[in-house]
Amino acid sequence: MSTLETIDRDKHIWEGWTVGDFIDDIEIIFHYCSKYSNFWKSKAELKNWVKNNQPYYKKHIPEVYKYFLQKSGL
């Protein structure tokens, strides 16, 4: 079973926002940025990028990071 299948997208994070809401909100930006090879040079850089591009809630959300980490191929 992959990480994408095990993420609880319905987990509440902050004021009605779920893991899935945060993923959906930045997924388009992620796809645009991932078109450029080497956009993220490390896992730490990706982690900071995800945190900083989340709307409203600027704290690390492990499930959101793991989702994009798997998609990034780092």
N, C-alpha and C. Protein backbone atom coordinates (compact mmCIF):
# COMPACT_ATOMS: atom_id res chain seq x y z
N MET A 1 0.85 -1.17 0.00
CA MET A 1 0.00 0.00 0.00
C MET A 1 0.90 1.25 0.00
N SER A 2 0.64 2.17 -0.87
CA SER A 2 1.47 3.37 -0.98
C SER A 2 1.04 4.42 0.05
N THR A 3 1.93 5.38 0.26
CA THR A 3 1.65 6.47 1.20
C THR A 3 0.42 7.24 0.76
N LEU A 4 0.26 7.42 -0.55
CA LEU A 4 -0.89 8.17 -1.05
C LEU A 4 -2.20 7.50 -0.65
N GLU A 5 -2.18 6.17 -0.56
CA GLU A 5 -3.39 5.44 -0.20
C GLU A 5 -3.64 5.45 1.30
N THR A 6 -2.59 5.67 2.11
CA THR A 6 -2.75 5.58 3.55
C THR A 6 -2.99 6.94 4.22
N ILE A 7 -2.90 8.02 3.47
CA ILE A 7 -3.12 9.35 4.04
C ILE A 7 -4.61 9.55 4.33
N ASP A 8 -4.90 9.98 5.55
CA ASP A 8 -6.28 10.28 5.93
C ASP A 8 -6.59 11.71 5.51
N ARG A 9 -7.17 11.86 4.33
CA ARG A 9 -7.48 13.19 3.78
C ARG A 9 -8.55 13.91 4.59
N ASP A 10 -9.30 13.19 5.40
CA ASP A 10 -10.38 13.79 6.18
C ASP A 10 -9.94 14.24 7.58
N LYS A 11 -8.69 14.02 7.91
CA LYS A 11 -8.19 14.41 9.23
C LYS A 11 -8.27 15.93 9.37
N HIS A 12 -8.94 16.39 10.43
CA HIS A 12 -9.08 17.82 10.68
C HIS A 12 -7.76 18.40 11.17
N ILE A 13 -7.36 19.53 10.59
CA ILE A 13 -6.11 20.18 10.97
C ILE A 13 -6.35 21.50 11.67
N TRP A 14 -7.18 22.36 11.07
CA TRP A 14 -7.31 23.72 11.61
C TRP A 14 -8.58 24.36 11.08
N GLU A 15 -9.43 24.84 11.95
CA GLU A 15 -10.65 25.59 11.62
C GLU A 15 -11.41 25.06 10.40
N GLY A 16 -11.70 23.79 10.41
CA GLY A 16 -12.47 23.19 9.33
C GLY A 16 -11.65 22.70 8.16
N TRP A 17 -10.36 23.01 8.14
CA TRP A 17 -9.49 22.56 7.06
C TRP A 17 -8.99 21.15 7.36
N THR A 18 -9.04 20.29 6.35
CA THR A 18 -8.57 18.92 6.49
C THR A 18 -7.26 18.75 5.72
N VAL A 19 -6.62 17.62 5.93
CA VAL A 19 -5.41 17.29 5.17
C VAL A 19 -5.69 17.40 3.68
N GLY A 20 -6.81 16.85 3.24
CA GLY A 20 -7.18 16.90 1.82
C GLY A 20 -7.36 18.31 1.30
N ASP A 21 -7.90 19.19 2.12
CA ASP A 21 -8.07 20.59 1.70
C ASP A 21 -6.72 21.25 1.44
N PHE A 22 -5.77 21.01 2.35
CA PHE A 22 -4.44 21.60 2.17
C PHE A 22 -3.76 21.01 0.93
N ILE A 23 -3.88 19.71 0.73
CA ILE A 23 -3.29 19.08 -0.45
C ILE A 23 -3.90 19.66 -1.72
N ASP A 24 -5.21 19.70 -1.76
CA ASP A 24 -5.90 20.20 -2.96
C ASP A 24 -5.55 21.65 -3.26
N ASP A 25 -5.36 22.44 -2.21
CA ASP A 25 -5.11 23.86 -2.40
C ASP A 25 -3.75 24.14 -3.04
N ILE A 26 -2.74 23.34 -2.71
CA ILE A 26 -1.42 23.62 -3.28
C ILE A 26 -0.99 22.66 -4.38
N GLU A 27 -1.83 21.70 -4.72
CA GLU A 27 -1.45 20.71 -5.74
C GLU A 27 -1.16 21.34 -7.10
N ILE A 28 -1.92 22.30 -7.52
CA ILE A 28 -1.70 22.93 -8.83
C ILE A 28 -0.35 23.65 -8.84
N ILE A 29 -0.04 24.36 -7.77
CA ILE A 29 1.25 25.04 -7.68
C ILE A 29 2.38 24.02 -7.69
N PHE A 30 2.19 22.91 -6.97
CA PHE A 30 3.19 21.86 -6.92
C PHE A 30 3.47 21.32 -8.32
N HIS A 31 2.41 21.03 -9.07
CA HIS A 31 2.60 20.49 -10.42
C HIS A 31 3.32 21.48 -11.32
N TYR A 32 3.01 22.74 -11.19
CA TYR A 32 3.69 23.76 -11.99
C TYR A 32 5.18 23.80 -11.64
N CYS A 33 5.48 23.82 -10.36
CA CYS A 33 6.88 23.89 -9.92
C CYS A 33 7.64 22.61 -10.25
N SER A 34 6.98 21.47 -10.19
CA SER A 34 7.66 20.19 -10.43
C SER A 34 8.01 19.99 -11.90
N LYS A 35 7.49 20.82 -12.78
CA LYS A 35 7.87 20.74 -14.20
C LYS A 35 9.34 21.11 -14.39
N TYR A 36 9.87 21.88 -13.46
CA TYR A 36 11.26 22.30 -13.54
C TYR A 36 12.11 21.33 -12.74
N SER A 37 12.97 20.60 -13.43
CA SER A 37 13.80 19.63 -12.72
C SER A 37 14.66 20.35 -11.69
N ASN A 38 14.89 19.70 -10.60
CA ASN A 38 15.70 20.23 -9.50
C ASN A 38 15.09 21.46 -8.84
N PHE A 39 13.79 21.62 -8.91
CA PHE A 39 13.16 22.76 -8.22
C PHE A 39 13.39 22.63 -6.72
N TRP A 40 13.24 21.42 -6.21
CA TRP A 40 13.53 21.15 -4.80
C TRP A 40 14.80 20.31 -4.77
N LYS A 41 15.81 20.81 -4.14
CA LYS A 41 17.10 20.12 -4.13
C LYS A 41 17.21 19.13 -2.97
N SER A 42 16.34 19.24 -1.99
CA SER A 42 16.40 18.34 -0.83
C SER A 42 15.01 18.16 -0.23
N LYS A 43 14.91 17.18 0.63
CA LYS A 43 13.65 16.94 1.34
C LYS A 43 13.32 18.12 2.26
N ALA A 44 14.34 18.69 2.88
CA ALA A 44 14.12 19.83 3.78
C ALA A 44 13.59 21.03 3.00
N GLU A 45 14.11 21.23 1.80
CA GLU A 45 13.64 22.34 0.97
C GLU A 45 12.18 22.14 0.57
N LEU A 46 11.83 20.90 0.22
CA LEU A 46 10.44 20.59 -0.11
C LEU A 46 9.54 20.79 1.12
N LYS A 47 10.01 20.34 2.27
CA LYS A 47 9.23 20.48 3.51
C LYS A 47 8.91 21.95 3.77
N ASN A 48 9.91 22.81 3.64
CA ASN A 48 9.69 24.24 3.86
C ASN A 48 8.77 24.82 2.80
N TRP A 49 8.93 24.38 1.56
CA TRP A 49 8.08 24.88 0.47
C TRP A 49 6.61 24.53 0.74
N VAL A 50 6.35 23.28 1.13
CA VAL A 50 4.98 22.85 1.41
C VAL A 50 4.40 23.69 2.55
N LYS A 51 5.14 23.83 3.63
CA LYS A 51 4.67 24.60 4.79
C LYS A 51 4.36 26.05 4.41
N ASN A 52 5.22 26.65 3.64
CA ASN A 52 5.06 28.06 3.27
C ASN A 52 3.97 28.30 2.23
N ASN A 53 3.59 27.28 1.49
CA ASN A 53 2.56 27.44 0.46
C ASN A 53 1.18 27.01 0.91
N GLN A 54 1.09 26.47 2.12
CA GLN A 54 -0.23 26.14 2.68
C GLN A 54 -0.95 27.44 3.01
N PRO A 55 -2.23 27.51 2.71
CA PRO A 55 -2.97 28.72 3.06
C PRO A 55 -3.24 28.78 4.57
N TYR A 56 -3.12 29.95 5.14
CA TYR A 56 -3.51 30.25 6.52
C TYR A 56 -2.65 29.58 7.60
N TYR A 57 -2.41 28.30 7.48
CA TYR A 57 -1.76 27.50 8.53
C TYR A 57 -0.31 27.24 8.10
N LYS A 58 0.63 27.93 8.71
CA LYS A 58 2.04 27.86 8.29
C LYS A 58 2.88 26.98 9.20
N LYS A 59 2.29 25.87 9.64
CA LYS A 59 3.02 24.89 10.44
C LYS A 59 3.13 23.60 9.64
N HIS A 60 4.14 22.81 9.96
CA HIS A 60 4.36 21.53 9.28
C HIS A 60 3.20 20.58 9.53
N ILE A 61 2.64 20.05 8.45
CA ILE A 61 1.59 19.02 8.54
C ILE A 61 2.20 17.76 7.92
N PRO A 62 2.56 16.77 8.73
CA PRO A 62 3.27 15.60 8.23
C PRO A 62 2.58 14.90 7.05
N GLU A 63 1.27 14.77 7.10
CA GLU A 63 0.56 14.06 6.02
C GLU A 63 0.64 14.81 4.70
N VAL A 64 0.56 16.12 4.76
CA VAL A 64 0.63 16.93 3.54
C VAL A 64 2.04 16.84 2.96
N TYR A 65 3.04 16.96 3.82
CA TYR A 65 4.44 16.84 3.38
C TYR A 65 4.70 15.47 2.76
N LYS A 66 4.26 14.40 3.43
CA LYS A 66 4.50 13.04 2.92
C LYS A 66 3.86 12.84 1.56
N TYR A 67 2.67 13.41 1.37
CA TYR A 67 1.98 13.31 0.09
C TYR A 67 2.85 13.90 -1.03
N PHE A 68 3.33 15.12 -0.81
CA PHE A 68 4.12 15.79 -1.83
C PHE A 68 5.53 15.23 -1.94
N LEU A 69 6.06 14.70 -0.87
CA LEU A 69 7.37 14.04 -0.92
C LEU A 69 7.31 12.84 -1.86
N GLN A 70 6.28 12.03 -1.74
CA GLN A 70 6.15 10.86 -2.61
C GLN A 70 5.97 11.29 -4.06
N LYS A 71 5.19 12.32 -4.30
CA LYS A 71 4.97 12.80 -5.66
C LYS A 71 6.22 13.43 -6.26
N SER A 72 7.09 13.98 -5.41
CA SER A 72 8.28 14.66 -5.91
C SER A 72 9.36 13.70 -6.37
N GLY A 73 9.39 12.50 -5.79
CA GLY A 73 10.41 11.53 -6.15
C GLY A 73 11.76 11.78 -5.48
N LEU A 74 11.79 12.64 -4.48
CA LEU A 74 13.06 12.88 -3.76
C LEU A 74 13.43 11.68 -2.91
